């Protein structure tokens, strides 16, 4: 079976940007899926399962981040990760 690839770009909306707790939430959510997951900002791409890699993207509020998932559950991965970002990681 062909590998499914899904890509979607999101804007970081929470006031503190992609800080340690938010990055940890993304890494944890990425671990739930079989797909390989990558985050990209300004041409820099990192492993979606690595908290430290995600933090190196240095995403403040308003930053555009692209998520790419490769695998059979790629669409579900993008949806799950996107919900976290759209919900501002549970912050007000």
PDB file of N, CA and C in Angstrom:
ATOM      1  N   UNK A   1       0.834  -1.184   0.000  1.00  0.00           N
ATOM      2  CA  UNK A   1       0.000   0.000   0.000  1.00  0.00           C
ATOM      3  C   UNK A   1       0.879   1.248   0.000  1.00  0.00           C
ATOM      4  N   UNK A   2       0.449   2.263  -0.746  1.00  0.00           N
ATOM      5  CA  UNK A   2       1.189   3.516  -0.803  1.00  0.00           C
ATOM      6  C   UNK A   2       1.137   4.243   0.534  1.00  0.00           C
ATOM      7  N   UNK A   3       2.210   4.944   0.820  1.00  0.00           N
ATOM      8  CA  UNK A   3       2.278   5.727   2.051  1.00  0.00           C
ATOM      9  C   UNK A   3       1.473   7.011   1.854  1.00  0.00           C
ATOM     10  N   UNK A   4       0.582   7.290   2.798  1.00  0.00           N
ATOM     11  CA  UNK A   4      -0.203   8.518   2.761  1.00  0.00           C
ATOM     12  C   UNK A   4       0.617   9.650   3.362  1.00  0.00           C
ATOM     13  N   UNK A   5       0.599  10.795   2.702  1.00  0.00           N
ATOM     14  CA  UNK A   5       1.282  11.981   3.213  1.00  0.00           C
ATOM     15  C   UNK A   5       0.253  13.104   3.323  1.00  0.00           C
ATOM     16  N   UNK A   6       0.145  13.661   4.502  1.00  0.00           N
ATOM     17  CA  UNK A   6      -0.759  14.792   4.759  1.00  0.00           C
ATOM     18  C   UNK A   6       0.074  15.952   5.266  1.00  0.00           C
ATOM     19  N   UNK A   7      -0.247  17.143   4.815  1.00  0.00           N
ATOM     20  CA  UNK A   7       0.460  18.352   5.241  1.00  0.00           C
ATOM     21  C   UNK A   7      -0.558  19.454   5.493  1.00  0.00           C
ATOM     22  N   UNK A   8      -0.350  20.204   6.569  1.00  0.00           N
ATOM     23  CA  UNK A   8      -1.223  21.345   6.844  1.00  0.00           C
ATOM     24  C   UNK A   8      -0.438  22.385   7.638  1.00  0.00           C
ATOM     25  N   UNK A   9      -0.716  23.651   7.353  1.00  0.00           N
ATOM     26  CA  UNK A   9      -0.056  24.755   8.043  1.00  0.00           C
ATOM     27  C   UNK A   9      -1.017  25.379   9.041  1.00  0.00           C
ATOM     28  N   UNK A  10      -0.490  25.683  10.224  1.00  0.00           N
ATOM     29  CA  UNK A  10      -1.275  26.282  11.306  1.00  0.00           C
ATOM     30  C   UNK A  10      -0.566  27.542  11.787  1.00  0.00           C
ATOM     31  N   UNK A  11      -1.324  28.411  12.428  1.00  0.00           N
ATOM     32  CA  UNK A  11      -0.754  29.603  13.058  1.00  0.00           C
ATOM     33  C   UNK A  11      -0.829  29.415  14.566  1.00  0.00           C
ATOM     34  N   UNK A  12       0.299  29.612  15.244  1.00  0.00           N
ATOM     35  CA  UNK A  12       0.342  29.509  16.700  1.00  0.00           C
ATOM     36  C   UNK A  12      -0.446  30.686  17.277  1.00  0.00           C
ATOM     37  N   UNK A  13      -1.480  30.386  18.067  1.00  0.00           N
ATOM     38  CA  UNK A  13      -2.400  31.422  18.536  1.00  0.00           C
ATOM     39  C   UNK A  13      -2.263  31.765  20.018  1.00  0.00           C
ATOM     40  N   UNK A  14      -1.667  30.881  20.796  1.00  0.00           N
ATOM     41  CA  UNK A  14      -1.589  31.159  22.234  1.00  0.00           C
ATOM     42  C   UNK A  14      -0.538  32.231  22.526  1.00  0.00           C
ATOM     43  N   UNK A  15      -0.765  33.001  23.582  1.00  0.00           N
ATOM     44  CA  UNK A  15       0.072  34.159  23.917  1.00  0.00           C
ATOM     45  C   UNK A  15       1.547  33.808  24.101  1.00  0.00           C
ATOM     46  N   UNK A  16       1.826  32.664  24.708  1.00  0.00           N
ATOM     47  CA  UNK A  16       3.213  32.304  25.017  1.00  0.00           C
ATOM     48  C   UNK A  16       3.925  31.581  23.877  1.00  0.00           C
ATOM     49  N   UNK A  17       3.218  31.346  22.778  1.00  0.00           N
ATOM     50  CA  UNK A  17       3.835  30.657  21.663  1.00  0.00           C
ATOM     51  C   UNK A  17       4.069  29.181  21.975  1.00  0.00           C
ATOM     52  N   UNK A  18       4.996  28.591  21.263  1.00  0.00           N
ATOM     53  CA  UNK A  18       5.279  27.161  21.410  1.00  0.00           C
ATOM     54  C   UNK A  18       6.336  26.964  22.491  1.00  0.00           C
ATOM     55  N   UNK A  19       5.928  27.119  23.746  1.00  0.00           N
ATOM     56  CA  UNK A  19       6.810  26.980  24.907  1.00  0.00           C
ATOM     57  C   UNK A  19       6.918  25.508  25.298  1.00  0.00           C
ATOM     58  N   UNK A  20       7.626  25.217  26.368  1.00  0.00           N
ATOM     59  CA  UNK A  20       7.948  23.831  26.734  1.00  0.00           C
ATOM     60  C   UNK A  20       6.718  22.959  26.948  1.00  0.00           C
ATOM     61  N   UNK A  21       5.711  23.451  27.673  1.00  0.00           N
ATOM     62  CA  UNK A  21       4.528  22.626  27.932  1.00  0.00           C
ATOM     63  C   UNK A  21       3.778  22.344  26.634  1.00  0.00           C
ATOM     64  N   UNK A  22       3.624  23.359  25.789  1.00  0.00           N
ATOM     65  CA  UNK A  22       2.932  23.173  24.514  1.00  0.00           C
ATOM     66  C   UNK A  22       3.710  22.211  23.602  1.00  0.00           C
ATOM     67  N   UNK A  23       5.023  22.363  23.557  1.00  0.00           N
ATOM     68  CA  UNK A  23       5.853  21.477  22.744  1.00  0.00           C
ATOM     69  C   UNK A  23       5.762  20.042  23.253  1.00  0.00           C
ATOM     70  N   UNK A  24       5.721  19.864  24.566  1.00  0.00           N
ATOM     71  CA  UNK A  24       5.588  18.520  25.146  1.00  0.00           C
ATOM     72  C   UNK A  24       4.247  17.908  24.755  1.00  0.00           C
ATOM     73  N   UNK A  25       3.200  18.718  24.724  1.00  0.00           N
ATOM     74  CA  UNK A  25       1.884  18.221  24.310  1.00  0.00           C
ATOM     75  C   UNK A  25       1.919  17.745  22.860  1.00  0.00           C
ATOM     76  N   UNK A  26       2.596  18.493  21.995  1.00  0.00           N
ATOM     77  CA  UNK A  26       2.712  18.083  20.594  1.00  0.00           C
ATOM     78  C   UNK A  26       3.509  16.784  20.457  1.00  0.00           C
ATOM     79  N   UNK A  27       4.610  16.681  21.185  1.00  0.00           N
ATOM     80  CA  UNK A  27       5.438  15.473  21.116  1.00  0.00           C
ATOM     81  C   UNK A  27       4.659  14.258  21.616  1.00  0.00           C
ATOM     82  N   UNK A  28       3.921  14.434  22.712  1.00  0.00           N
ATOM     83  CA  UNK A  28       3.101  13.342  23.257  1.00  0.00           C
ATOM     84  C   UNK A  28       2.010  12.922  22.274  1.00  0.00           C
ATOM     85  N   UNK A  29       1.351  13.907  21.684  1.00  0.00           N
ATOM     86  CA  UNK A  29       0.299  13.608  20.699  1.00  0.00           C
ATOM     87  C   UNK A  29       0.904  12.904  19.481  1.00  0.00           C
ATOM     88  N   UNK A  30       2.078  13.325  19.044  1.00  0.00           N
ATOM     89  CA  UNK A  30       2.745  12.687  17.901  1.00  0.00           C
ATOM     90  C   UNK A  30       3.023  11.223  18.177  1.00  0.00           C
ATOM     91  N   UNK A  31       3.358  10.901  19.416  1.00  0.00           N
ATOM     92  CA  UNK A  31       3.651   9.514  19.806  1.00  0.00           C
ATOM     93  C   UNK A  31       2.446   8.596  19.697  1.00  0.00           C
ATOM     94  N   UNK A  32       1.257   9.149  19.672  1.00  0.00           N
ATOM     95  CA  UNK A  32       0.044   8.332  19.605  1.00  0.00           C
ATOM     96  C   UNK A  32      -0.158   7.706  18.224  1.00  0.00           C
ATOM     97  N   UNK A  33       0.576   8.160  17.230  1.00  0.00           N
ATOM     98  CA  UNK A  33       0.339   7.741  15.850  1.00  0.00           C
ATOM     99  C   UNK A  33       1.504   6.928  15.306  1.00  0.00           C
ATOM    100  N   UNK A  34       1.181   6.057  14.369  1.00  0.00           N
ATOM    101  CA  UNK A  34       2.193   5.250  13.694  1.00  0.00           C
ATOM    102  C   UNK A  34       2.966   6.079  12.669  1.00  0.00           C
ATOM    103  N   UNK A  35       2.324   7.094  12.128  1.00  0.00           N
ATOM    104  CA  UNK A  35       2.942   7.924  11.090  1.00  0.00           C
ATOM    105  C   UNK A  35       4.204   8.611  11.595  1.00  0.00           C
ATOM    106  N   UNK A  36       5.113   8.871  10.660  1.00  0.00           N
ATOM    107  CA  UNK A  36       6.245   9.747  10.954  1.00  0.00           C
ATOM    108  C   UNK A  36       5.708  11.167  10.893  1.00  0.00           C
ATOM    109  N   UNK A  37       6.076  11.986  11.874  1.00  0.00           N
ATOM    110  CA  UNK A  37       5.540  13.338  11.955  1.00  0.00           C
ATOM    111  C   UNK A  37       6.691  14.337  12.018  1.00  0.00           C
ATOM    112  N   UNK A  38       6.536  15.401  11.237  1.00  0.00           N
ATOM    113  CA  UNK A  38       7.550  16.445  11.165  1.00  0.00           C
ATOM    114  C   UNK A  38       6.876  17.809  11.319  1.00  0.00           C
ATOM    115  N   UNK A  39       7.577  18.725  11.978  1.00  0.00           N
ATOM    116  CA  UNK A  39       7.135  20.114  12.100  1.00  0.00           C
ATOM    117  C   UNK A  39       8.150  20.970  11.365  1.00  0.00           C
ATOM    118  N   UNK A  40       7.655  21.992  10.655  1.00  0.00           N
ATOM    119  CA  UNK A  40       8.543  22.857   9.883  1.00  0.00           C
ATOM    120  C   UNK A  40       8.160  24.316  10.082  1.00  0.00           C
ATOM    121  N   UNK A  41       9.184  25.134  10.282  1.00  0.00           N
ATOM    122  CA  UNK A  41       9.007  26.589  10.380  1.00  0.00           C
ATOM    123  C   UNK A  41      10.196  27.242   9.688  1.00  0.00           C
ATOM    124  N   UNK A  42       9.904  28.145   8.782  1.00  0.00           N
ATOM    125  CA  UNK A  42      10.945  28.908   8.071  1.00  0.00           C
ATOM    126  C   UNK A  42      12.026  28.010   7.468  1.00  0.00           C
ATOM    127  N   UNK A  43      11.611  26.883   6.885  1.00  0.00           N
ATOM    128  CA  UNK A  43      12.552  25.992   6.221  1.00  0.00           C
ATOM    129  C   UNK A  43      13.273  25.014   7.132  1.00  0.00           C
ATOM    130  N   UNK A  44      13.091  25.138   8.438  1.00  0.00           N
ATOM    131  CA  UNK A  44      13.726  24.210   9.386  1.00  0.00           C
ATOM    132  C   UNK A  44      12.713  23.124   9.747  1.00  0.00           C
ATOM    133  N   UNK A  45      13.069  21.863   9.498  1.00  0.00           N
ATOM    134  CA  UNK A  45      12.168  20.747   9.765  1.00  0.00           C
ATOM    135  C   UNK A  45      12.724  19.887  10.899  1.00  0.00           C
ATOM    136  N   UNK A  46      11.820  19.476  11.821  1.00  0.00           N
ATOM    137  CA  UNK A  46      12.257  18.681  12.969  1.00  0.00           C
ATOM    138  C   UNK A  46      11.332  17.487  13.178  1.00  0.00           C
ATOM    139  N   UNK A  47      11.828  16.529  13.941  1.00  0.00           N
ATOM    140  CA  UNK A  47      11.087  15.329  14.310  1.00  0.00           C
ATOM    141  C   UNK A  47       9.961  15.706  15.276  1.00  0.00           C
ATOM    142  N   UNK A  48       8.736  15.343  14.939  1.00  0.00           N
ATOM    143  CA  UNK A  48       7.580  15.676  15.760  1.00  0.00           C
ATOM    144  C   UNK A  48       7.496  14.940  17.080  1.00  0.00           C
ATOM    145  N   UNK A  49       8.333  13.938  17.276  1.00  0.00           N
ATOM    146  CA  UNK A  49       8.321  13.195  18.536  1.00  0.00           C
ATOM    147  C   UNK A  49       9.373  13.710  19.526  1.00  0.00           C
ATOM    148  N   UNK A  50      10.176  14.659  19.102  1.00  0.00           N
ATOM    149  CA  UNK A  50      11.270  15.156  19.934  1.00  0.00           C
ATOM    150  C   UNK A  50      10.934  16.519  20.532  1.00  0.00           C
ATOM    151  N   UNK A  51      10.757  16.561  21.832  1.00  0.00           N
ATOM    152  CA  UNK A  51      10.470  17.810  22.525  1.00  0.00           C
ATOM    153  C   UNK A  51      11.553  18.855  22.250  1.00  0.00           C
ATOM    154  N   UNK A  52      12.801  18.457  22.366  1.00  0.00           N
ATOM    155  CA  UNK A  52      13.896  19.415  22.144  1.00  0.00           C
ATOM    156  C   UNK A  52      13.927  19.924  20.710  1.00  0.00           C
ATOM    157  N   UNK A  53      13.679  19.031  19.763  1.00  0.00           N
ATOM    158  CA  UNK A  53      13.643  19.461  18.361  1.00  0.00           C
ATOM    159  C   UNK A  53      12.530  20.480  18.138  1.00  0.00           C
ATOM    160  N   UNK A  54      11.359  20.214  18.697  1.00  0.00           N
ATOM    161  CA  UNK A  54      10.224  21.131  18.532  1.00  0.00           C
ATOM    162  C   UNK A  54      10.564  22.494  19.122  1.00  0.00           C
ATOM    163  N   UNK A  55      11.182  22.504  20.288  1.00  0.00           N
ATOM    164  CA  UNK A  55      11.542  23.775  20.927  1.00  0.00           C
ATOM    165  C   UNK A  55      12.529  24.592  20.088  1.00  0.00           C
ATOM    166  N   UNK A  56      13.392  23.912  19.321  1.00  0.00           N
ATOM    167  CA  UNK A  56      14.368  24.641  18.509  1.00  0.00           C
ATOM    168  C   UNK A  56      13.710  25.466  17.404  1.00  0.00           C
ATOM    169  N   UNK A  57      12.448  25.201  17.107  1.00  0.00           N
ATOM    170  CA  UNK A  57      11.749  25.981  16.085  1.00  0.00           C
ATOM    171  C   UNK A  57      11.450  27.408  16.550  1.00  0.00           C
ATOM    172  N   UNK A  58      11.456  27.619  17.857  1.00  0.00           N
ATOM    173  CA  UNK A  58      11.240  28.956  18.437  1.00  0.00           C
ATOM    174  C   UNK A  58      10.036  29.662  17.807  1.00  0.00           C
ATOM    175  N   UNK A  59       8.858  29.136  18.086  1.00  0.00           N
ATOM    176  CA  UNK A  59       7.626  29.656  17.489  1.00  0.00           C
ATOM    177  C   UNK A  59       6.883  30.576  18.455  1.00  0.00           C
ATOM    178  N   UNK A  60       6.927  31.875  18.235  1.00  0.00           N
ATOM    179  CA  UNK A  60       6.143  32.802  19.061  1.00  0.00           C
ATOM    180  C   UNK A  60       4.693  32.840  18.573  1.00  0.00           C
ATOM    181  N   UNK A  61       3.855  33.543  19.282  1.00  0.00           N
ATOM    182  CA  UNK A  61       2.478  33.747  18.839  1.00  0.00           C
ATOM    183  C   UNK A  61       2.518  34.354  17.436  1.00  0.00           C
ATOM    184  N   UNK A  62       1.681  33.815  16.554  1.00  0.00           N
ATOM    185  CA  UNK A  62       1.615  34.298  15.184  1.00  0.00           C
ATOM    186  C   UNK A  62       2.501  33.551  14.208  1.00  0.00           C
ATOM    187  N   UNK A  63       3.383  32.692  14.706  1.00  0.00           N
ATOM    188  CA  UNK A  63       4.263  31.920  13.823  1.00  0.00           C
ATOM    189  C   UNK A  63       3.445  30.906  13.028  1.00  0.00           C
ATOM    190  N   UNK A  64       3.888  30.676  11.805  1.00  0.00           N
ATOM    191  CA  UNK A  64       3.268  29.656  10.954  1.00  0.00           C
ATOM    192  C   UNK A  64       4.094  28.382  11.073  1.00  0.00           C
ATOM    193  N   UNK A  65       3.414  27.273  11.384  1.00  0.00           N
ATOM    194  CA  UNK A  65       4.092  25.987  11.516  1.00  0.00           C
ATOM    195  C   UNK A  65       3.383  24.977  10.618  1.00  0.00           C
ATOM    196  N   UNK A  66       4.168  24.255   9.846  1.00  0.00           N
ATOM    197  CA  UNK A  66       3.608  23.246   8.950  1.00  0.00           C
ATOM    198  C   UNK A  66       3.870  21.873   9.544  1.00  0.00           C
ATOM    199  N   UNK A  67       2.824  21.063   9.567  1.00  0.00           N
ATOM    200  CA  UNK A  67       2.938  19.697  10.066  1.00  0.00           C
ATOM    201  C   UNK A  67       2.799  18.749   8.879  1.00  0.00           C
ATOM    202  N   UNK A  68       3.723  17.797   8.791  1.00  0.00           N
ATOM    203  CA  UNK A  68       3.665  16.756   7.762  1.00  0.00           C
ATOM    204  C   UNK A  68       3.631  15.404   8.455  1.00  0.00           C
ATOM    205  N   UNK A  69       2.687  14.581   8.063  1.00  0.00           N
ATOM    206  CA  UNK A  69       2.585  13.225   8.604  1.00  0.00           C
ATOM    207  C   UNK A  69       2.648  12.243   7.439  1.00  0.00           C
ATOM    208  N   UNK A  70       3.422  11.179   7.615  1.00  0.00           N
ATOM    209  CA  UNK A  70       3.603  10.168   6.582  1.00  0.00           C
ATOM    210  C   UNK A  70       3.271   8.801   7.159  1.00  0.00           C
ATOM    211  N   UNK A  71       2.185   8.201   6.690  1.00  0.00           N
ATOM    212  CA  UNK A  71       1.788   6.884   7.164  1.00  0.00           C
ATOM    213  C   UNK A  71       0.284   6.692   7.028  1.00  0.00           C
ATOM    214  N   UNK A  72      -0.173   5.513   7.400  1.00  0.00           N
ATOM    215  CA  UNK A  72      -1.581   5.174   7.224  1.00  0.00           C
ATOM    216  C   UNK A  72      -2.518   6.037   8.065  1.00  0.00           C
ATOM    217  N   UNK A  73      -2.063   6.511   9.207  1.00  0.00           N
ATOM    218  CA  UNK A  73      -2.931   7.341  10.059  1.00  0.00           C
ATOM    219  C   UNK A  73      -2.556   8.827   9.975  1.00  0.00           C
ATOM    220  N   UNK A  74      -1.986   9.221   8.835  1.00  0.00           N
ATOM    221  CA  UNK A  74      -1.507  10.593   8.665  1.00  0.00           C
ATOM    222  C   UNK A  74      -2.619  11.618   8.848  1.00  0.00           C
ATOM    223  N   UNK A  75      -3.773  11.375   8.272  1.00  0.00           N
ATOM    224  CA  UNK A  75      -4.871  12.345   8.388  1.00  0.00           C
ATOM    225  C   UNK A  75      -5.294  12.520   9.840  1.00  0.00           C
ATOM    226  N   UNK A  76      -5.408  11.416  10.577  1.00  0.00           N
ATOM    227  CA  UNK A  76      -5.777  11.500  11.997  1.00  0.00           C
ATOM    228  C   UNK A  76      -4.715  12.243  12.801  1.00  0.00           C
ATOM    229  N   UNK A  77      -3.464  12.030  12.456  1.00  0.00           N
ATOM    230  CA  UNK A  77      -2.367  12.713  13.152  1.00  0.00           C
ATOM    231  C   UNK A  77      -2.464  14.225  12.947  1.00  0.00           C
ATOM    232  N   UNK A  78      -2.661  14.642  11.707  1.00  0.00           N
ATOM    233  CA  UNK A  78      -2.777  16.077  11.413  1.00  0.00           C
ATOM    234  C   UNK A  78      -3.969  16.674  12.154  1.00  0.00           C
ATOM    235  N   UNK A  79      -5.087  15.957  12.163  1.00  0.00           N
ATOM    236  CA  UNK A  79      -6.281  16.453  12.858  1.00  0.00           C
ATOM    237  C   UNK A  79      -6.036  16.586  14.359  1.00  0.00           C
ATOM    238  N   UNK A  80      -5.425  15.575  14.973  1.00  0.00           N
ATOM    239  CA  UNK A  80      -5.161  15.600  16.415  1.00  0.00           C
ATOM    240  C   UNK A  80      -4.193  16.700  16.815  1.00  0.00           C
ATOM    241  N   UNK A  81      -3.127  16.826  16.063  1.00  0.00           N
ATOM    242  CA  UNK A  81      -2.137  17.867  16.351  1.00  0.00           C
ATOM    243  C   UNK A  81      -2.719  19.256  16.084  1.00  0.00           C
ATOM    244  N   UNK A  82      -3.483  19.355  15.024  1.00  0.00           N
ATOM    245  CA  UNK A  82      -4.116  20.630  14.692  1.00  0.00           C
ATOM    246  C   UNK A  82      -5.088  21.097  15.761  1.00  0.00           C
ATOM    247  N   UNK A  83      -5.825  20.155  16.360  1.00  0.00           N
ATOM    248  CA  UNK A  83      -6.750  20.511  17.444  1.00  0.00           C
ATOM    249  C   UNK A  83      -6.011  21.146  18.608  1.00  0.00           C
ATOM    250  N   UNK A  84      -4.857  20.586  18.972  1.00  0.00           N
ATOM    251  CA  UNK A  84      -4.063  21.159  20.063  1.00  0.00           C
ATOM    252  C   UNK A  84      -3.688  22.608  19.757  1.00  0.00           C
ATOM    253  N   UNK A  85      -3.220  22.842  18.549  1.00  0.00           N
ATOM    254  CA  UNK A  85      -2.800  24.192  18.168  1.00  0.00           C
ATOM    255  C   UNK A  85      -4.002  25.135  18.126  1.00  0.00           C
ATOM    256  N   UNK A  86      -5.082  24.701  17.497  1.00  0.00           N
ATOM    257  CA  UNK A  86      -6.271  25.549  17.380  1.00  0.00           C
ATOM    258  C   UNK A  86      -6.888  25.857  18.744  1.00  0.00           C
ATOM    259  N   UNK A  87      -6.771  24.918  19.678  1.00  0.00           N
ATOM    260  CA  UNK A  87      -7.304  25.112  21.042  1.00  0.00           C
ATOM    261  C   UNK A  87      -6.314  25.843  21.942  1.00  0.00           C
ATOM    262  N   UNK A  88      -5.242  26.383  21.356  1.00  0.00           N
ATOM    263  CA  UNK A  88      -4.215  27.134  22.088  1.00  0.00           C
ATOM    264  C   UNK A  88      -3.605  26.313  23.229  1.00  0.00           C
ATOM    265  N   UNK A  89      -3.505  25.002  23.031  1.00  0.00           N
ATOM    266  CA  UNK A  89      -2.902  24.102  24.012  1.00  0.00           C
ATOM    267  C   UNK A  89      -3.605  24.186  25.372  1.00  0.00           C
ATOM    268  N   UNK A  90      -4.900  24.493  25.339  1.00  0.00           N
ATOM    269  CA  UNK A  90      -5.682  24.574  26.567  1.00  0.00           C
ATOM    270  C   UNK A  90      -5.479  25.849  27.363  1.00  0.00           C
ATOM    271  N   UNK A  91      -4.757  26.800  26.783  1.00  0.00           N
ATOM    272  CA  UNK A  91      -4.528  28.076  27.474  1.00  0.00           C
ATOM    273  C   UNK A  91      -5.654  29.052  27.149  1.00  0.00           C
ATOM    274  N   UNK A  92      -5.842  30.039  27.987  1.00  0.00           N
ATOM    275  CA  UNK A  92      -6.889  31.052  27.745  1.00  0.00           C
ATOM    276  C   UNK A  92      -6.466  32.051  26.715  1.00  0.00           C
TER     277      UNK A  92
END
